Protein backbone atom coordinates (compact mmCIF):
# COMPACT_ATOMS: atom_id res chain seq x y z
CA UNK A 1 21.61 -40.77 -1.74
CA UNK A 2 19.62 -41.51 -5.10
CA UNK A 3 18.61 -44.60 -2.97
CA UNK A 4 16.90 -42.63 -0.66
CA UNK A 5 15.36 -40.43 -3.24
CA UNK A 6 13.73 -43.55 -4.95
CA UNK A 7 12.60 -45.04 -1.61
CA UNK A 8 10.45 -41.68 -1.42
CA UNK A 9 9.78 -41.33 -5.15
CA UNK A 10 11.60 -38.11 -5.72
CA UNK A 11 13.16 -36.80 -8.81
CA UNK A 12 16.26 -35.15 -5.96
CA UNK A 13 16.62 -33.90 -3.24
CA UNK A 14 13.89 -31.21 -2.13
CA UNK A 15 15.87 -29.86 1.10
CA UNK A 16 19.48 -28.90 -0.94
CA UNK A 17 20.47 -25.45 0.73
CA UNK A 18 21.64 -24.10 -2.29
CA UNK A 19 19.51 -21.54 -3.01
CA UNK A 20 17.83 -22.68 -6.18
CA UNK A 21 14.94 -20.42 -7.87
CA UNK A 22 13.41 -23.42 -9.07
CA UNK A 23 12.68 -24.22 -5.44
CA UNK A 24 11.78 -20.80 -4.51
CA UNK A 25 8.75 -20.57 -1.95
CA UNK A 26 7.01 -17.31 -2.36
CA UNK A 27 6.19 -15.83 1.18
CA UNK A 28 3.96 -12.46 1.38
CA UNK A 29 7.56 -10.67 2.64
CA UNK A 30 9.57 -12.67 -0.08
CA UNK A 31 7.13 -11.64 -2.69
CA UNK A 32 7.63 -7.94 -1.58
CA UNK A 33 11.11 -8.28 -2.00
CA UNK A 34 10.50 -9.31 -6.14
CA UNK A 35 8.29 -6.52 -6.36
CA UNK A 36 10.93 -3.96 -4.53
CA UNK A 37 13.29 -4.79 -6.74
CA UNK A 38 11.07 -4.90 -10.12
CA UNK A 39 10.27 -1.17 -8.95
CA UNK A 40 14.12 0.15 -8.30
CA UNK A 41 14.59 -0.74 -12.01
CA UNK A 42 11.59 -0.04 -13.68
CA UNK A 43 11.63 3.72 -11.71
CA UNK A 44 14.75 4.17 -11.90
CA UNK A 45 15.53 4.38 -8.33
CA UNK A 46 18.86 4.18 -6.75
CA UNK A 47 19.31 2.10 -3.73
CA UNK A 48 17.13 -1.23 -2.46
CA UNK A 49 18.05 -2.53 0.65
CA UNK A 50 17.95 -6.18 1.39
CA UNK A 51 17.72 -6.85 5.29
CA UNK A 52 17.76 -10.80 6.72
CA UNK A 53 19.35 -12.99 9.34
CA UNK A 54 21.61 -15.88 7.91
CA UNK A 55 19.40 -18.45 5.68
CA UNK A 56 16.31 -16.33 5.60
CA UNK A 57 16.75 -16.58 1.66
CA UNK A 58 18.18 -13.38 0.54
CA UNK A 59 20.40 -14.69 -2.02
CA UNK A 60 17.76 -16.67 -3.57
CA UNK A 61 15.23 -13.93 -3.70
CA UNK A 62 18.27 -12.52 -5.87
CA UNK A 63 18.61 -15.64 -7.67
CA UNK A 64 14.97 -15.86 -8.44
CA UNK A 65 14.44 -11.97 -9.28
CA UNK A 66 17.27 -12.12 -11.93
CA UNK A 67 15.98 -15.71 -13.46
CA UNK A 68 12.76 -13.65 -14.09
CA UNK A 69 13.77 -10.37 -15.57
CA UNK A 70 14.57 -9.35 -19.14
CA UNK A 71 17.58 -7.23 -20.22
CA UNK A 72 19.26 -6.30 -17.29
CA UNK A 73 22.99 -7.17 -17.03
CA UNK A 74 23.50 -7.89 -13.17
CA UNK A 75 26.72 -7.53 -11.50
CA UNK A 76 27.38 -9.55 -8.49
CA UNK A 77 29.63 -8.50 -5.95
CA UNK A 78 30.81 -10.91 -3.62
CA UNK A 79 33.81 -9.49 -1.55
CA UNK A 80 32.67 -6.41 0.43
CA UNK A 81 35.88 -5.75 2.05
CA UNK A 82 37.09 -4.07 -1.34
CA UNK A 83 38.53 -0.74 -1.11
CA UNK A 84 36.54 2.61 -2.86
CA UNK A 85 39.75 2.61 -5.76
CA UNK A 86 39.16 -1.94 -6.23
CA UNK A 87 35.41 -1.15 -6.48
CA UNK A 88 35.55 1.15 -9.44
CA UNK A 89 37.98 -1.41 -11.38
CA UNK A 90 36.01 -4.45 -10.59
CA UNK A 91 32.98 -2.51 -12.05
CA UNK A 92 35.47 -1.68 -15.26
CA UNK A 93 36.90 -4.99 -16.15
CA UNK A 94 33.30 -6.02 -15.40
CA UNK A 95 31.87 -4.23 -18.36
CA UNK A 96 35.28 -4.91 -20.10
CA UNK A 97 36.12 -0.76 -20.18
CA UNK A 98 39.61 -1.76 -19.74
CA UNK A 99 42.80 0.16 -17.66
CA UNK A 100 42.33 4.04 -16.12
CA UNK A 101 44.92 5.93 -14.43
CA UNK A 102 43.29 6.32 -10.96
CA UNK A 103 39.71 6.35 -9.64
CA UNK A 104 38.55 9.65 -11.09
CA UNK A 105 39.27 8.18 -14.93
CA UNK A 106 37.77 5.30 -13.81
CA UNK A 107 34.55 6.81 -12.61
CA UNK A 108 34.34 8.94 -15.91
CA UNK A 109 34.89 5.88 -18.13
CA UNK A 110 31.74 4.26 -16.36
CA UNK A 111 29.78 7.04 -16.52
CA UNK A 112 30.56 7.47 -20.13
CA UNK A 113 29.78 3.58 -21.26
CA UNK A 114 26.39 3.54 -18.67
CA UNK A 115 25.25 7.02 -20.41
CA UNK A 116 25.49 5.25 -23.78
CA UNK A 117 24.27 2.19 -22.86
CA UNK A 118 21.26 3.64 -21.16
CA UNK A 119 20.62 5.26 -24.62
CA UNK A 120 20.25 1.85 -26.75
CA UNK A 121 17.44 0.68 -24.05
CA UNK A 122 20.34 -1.50 -22.12
CA UNK A 123 20.17 -1.67 -18.17
CA UNK A 124 22.63 -2.63 -15.43
CA UNK A 125 22.10 -3.89 -12.00
CA UNK A 126 24.94 -3.73 -8.99
CA UNK A 127 24.45 -6.68 -6.14
CA UNK A 128 26.32 -6.34 -2.85
CA UNK A 129 26.27 -9.21 -1.08
CA UNK A 130 27.23 -9.17 3.00
CA UNK A 131 27.06 -5.58 2.65
CA UNK A 132 27.31 -5.30 6.44
CA UNK A 133 31.28 -5.97 5.98
CA UNK A 134 32.05 -2.68 3.91
CA UNK A 135 34.47 -0.08 4.92
CA UNK A 136 32.35 3.54 5.40
CA UNK A 137 34.74 4.74 2.87
CA UNK A 138 34.27 2.29 0.27
CA UNK A 139 29.91 2.63 1.75
CA UNK A 140 30.95 6.28 0.82
CA UNK A 141 31.80 5.18 -3.13
CA UNK A 142 28.55 3.33 -3.37
CA UNK A 143 26.89 6.64 -2.41
CA UNK A 144 28.88 8.71 -5.26
CA UNK A 145 27.79 5.65 -7.44
CA UNK A 146 24.34 6.84 -7.67
CA UNK A 147 25.17 10.15 -8.62
CA UNK A 148 25.57 8.41 -12.12
CA UNK A 149 22.22 9.31 -13.54
CA UNK A 150 20.37 10.86 -16.22
CA UNK A 151 17.00 13.28 -15.76
CA UNK A 152 14.59 9.77 -16.29
CA UNK A 153 16.85 7.93 -13.68
CA UNK A 154 19.87 6.17 -12.28
CA UNK A 155 21.81 4.56 -14.51
CA UNK A 156 23.32 2.19 -12.08
CA UNK A 157 20.39 0.80 -9.29
CA UNK A 158 22.01 -0.79 -6.57
CA UNK A 159 20.79 -3.86 -3.99
CA UNK A 160 22.37 -3.83 -0.96
CA UNK A 161 22.04 -6.98 0.55
CA UNK A 162 23.12 -7.51 4.38
CA UNK A 163 22.59 -8.76 7.88
CA UNK A 164 20.91 -6.73 10.40
CA UNK A 165 24.07 -5.09 11.60
CA UNK A 166 23.84 -3.56 8.36
CA UNK A 167 20.82 -1.10 9.35
CA UNK A 168 22.87 -0.09 12.28
CA UNK A 169 25.71 0.69 9.98
CA UNK A 170 23.89 2.96 7.65
CA UNK A 171 22.39 5.04 10.39
CA UNK A 172 25.81 5.81 11.66
CA UNK A 173 26.60 9.75 11.21
CA UNK A 174 28.96 8.86 8.59
CA UNK A 175 27.16 6.93 6.36
CA UNK A 176 23.59 8.88 6.93
CA UNK A 177 23.89 10.41 3.82
CA UNK A 178 23.40 7.26 1.95
CA UNK A 179 21.11 5.54 4.13
CA UNK A 180 18.96 8.71 3.10
CA UNK A 181 19.63 7.93 -0.20
CA UNK A 182 17.67 4.08 0.41
CA UNK A 183 14.13 4.47 -0.96
CA UNK A 184 13.59 1.25 -1.12
CA UNK A 185 13.66 -1.25 2.58
CA UNK A 186 12.59 -5.01 2.94
CA UNK A 187 13.60 -7.33 5.82
CA UNK A 188 13.39 -10.74 5.43
CA UNK A 189 11.47 -12.43 8.33
CA UNK A 190 11.62 -16.13 9.39
CA UNK A 191 8.65 -18.03 8.41
CA UNK A 192 6.20 -18.83 10.43
CA UNK A 193 4.38 -22.55 11.57
CA UNK A 194 2.28 -22.31 8.74
CA UNK A 195 4.25 -21.22 6.30
CA UNK A 196 6.99 -23.63 7.31
CA UNK A 197 4.24 -26.57 6.59
CA UNK A 198 3.24 -25.11 3.01
CA UNK A 199 7.30 -24.23 2.83
CA UNK A 200 8.27 -28.71 3.14
CA UNK A 201 5.07 -29.42 0.92
CA UNK A 202 5.85 -27.03 -1.87
CA UNK A 203 9.56 -28.24 -1.95
CA UNK A 204 8.68 -31.72 -1.71
CA UNK A 205 5.83 -30.98 -4.53
CA UNK A 206 8.63 -29.45 -6.71
CA UNK A 207 10.72 -32.80 -6.55
CA UNK A 208 8.15 -35.18 -7.39
CA UNK A 209 4.91 -36.74 -7.20
CA UNK A 210 6.32 -38.02 -3.61
CA UNK A 211 4.37 -40.30 -1.32
CA UNK A 212 6.53 -38.86 2.18
CA UNK A 213 3.97 -37.04 4.66
CA UNK A 214 5.05 -35.08 7.25
CA UNK A 215 3.16 -35.46 10.62
CA UNK A 216 2.40 -32.28 12.16
CA UNK A 217 4.50 -33.12 15.26
CA UNK A 218 7.44 -33.50 13.19
CA UNK A 219 6.54 -30.09 11.25
CA UNK A 220 5.97 -28.42 14.52
CA UNK A 221 9.37 -29.78 16.22
CA UNK A 222 11.24 -28.40 12.69
CA UNK A 223 9.38 -25.22 12.92
CA UNK A 224 10.50 -24.80 16.70
CA UNK A 225 14.34 -26.09 16.25
CA UNK A 226 14.84 -24.01 12.36
CA UNK A 227 13.19 -21.08 14.24
CA UNK A 228 11.66 -20.51 11.22
CA UNK A 229 14.63 -20.25 9.01
CA UNK A 230 14.47 -21.27 5.75
CA UNK A 231 18.34 -22.74 5.68
CA UNK A 232 18.01 -24.51 8.87
CA UNK A 233 14.37 -25.83 7.98
CA UNK A 234 16.27 -27.49 4.59
CA UNK A 235 19.03 -29.11 6.73
CA UNK A 236 16.57 -30.81 9.22
CA UNK A 237 14.32 -31.83 6.87
CA UNK A 238 16.89 -33.34 4.74
CA UNK A 239 18.85 -35.70 7.81
CA UNK A 240 14.92 -36.58 8.86
CA UNK A 241 14.01 -37.85 5.65
CA UNK A 242 17.52 -40.08 5.86
CA UNK A 243 16.00 -41.44 9.15
CA UNK A 244 12.57 -41.89 7.65
CA UNK A 245 14.68 -44.08 5.07
CA UNK A 246 16.30 -45.54 8.05
CA UNK A 247 13.38 -47.13 9.52
CA UNK A 248 11.81 -47.71 6.23
CA UNK A 249 8.84 -45.43 6.57
CA UNK A 250 7.70 -42.52 4.11
CA UNK A 251 5.68 -41.16 6.75
CA UNK A 252 7.88 -38.56 8.89
CA UNK A 253 7.32 -38.39 12.49
CA UNK A 254 7.83 -36.38 15.38
CA UNK A 255 10.49 -38.87 17.14
CA UNK A 256 12.61 -38.94 13.68
CA UNK A 257 12.81 -35.13 13.40
CA UNK A 258 14.51 -35.38 17.26
CA UNK A 259 17.02 -38.22 15.84
CA UNK A 260 17.92 -35.76 12.93
CA UNK A 261 18.60 -32.75 15.70
CA UNK A 262 20.59 -34.85 17.69
CA UNK A 263 23.01 -35.50 15.17
CA UNK A 264 22.95 -32.01 13.48
CA UNK A 265 23.24 -31.07 17.98
CA UNK A 266 21.08 -28.58 17.22
């Protein structure tokens, strides 16, 4: 791959699908997501709901926010299938609170620790990924965690990250109380054609002072084939650069995108 990057005068792959805050492209809705996360912490709100289809940049937004915010201990939960008692145990382990007898004792230790930390000016944030896969029982436990509070705000603000099906889950009568506690809601949308153009240009510039140029027809096809999903845009562009390298061309044409799409079965 280095040979390809050298050909385009790039220091690295501008279209890696690994979420990287350095390559975060701030569309209007992504900026709103960052502002909402900041508000969640500063105002002591309970929940922020971050919804988006796969590949729309949910993880990148979270990582970008955490790279900028100061004085916050983020606790990520990547296994949404945990049972309620496992959730409490996970939080206590992350905070080095030791073992406990039963969920109630764990919750009490958690409350005492967060309260003392709050008095010291320390802040915590729980981030739950793929929350649409949580059981109703665990979602109820999440609701109970929002009861950990002071008169000034919540001790453990929570960001629920999930796919659109999470919205439907929350509207179920069993989860209605949790849904009513969510004061901040952001839904990430696919990029527009103009945003796709700017997204591609932004990432190329980040990766170096490159002479690579995507023609209008190429960008339009990338937008249509990707449906504006950032992850797919990156995948298509990365493969298209390989095609351009094969044809010894730094000018990316629509035909190169067609070849890339064929190889990707898109």
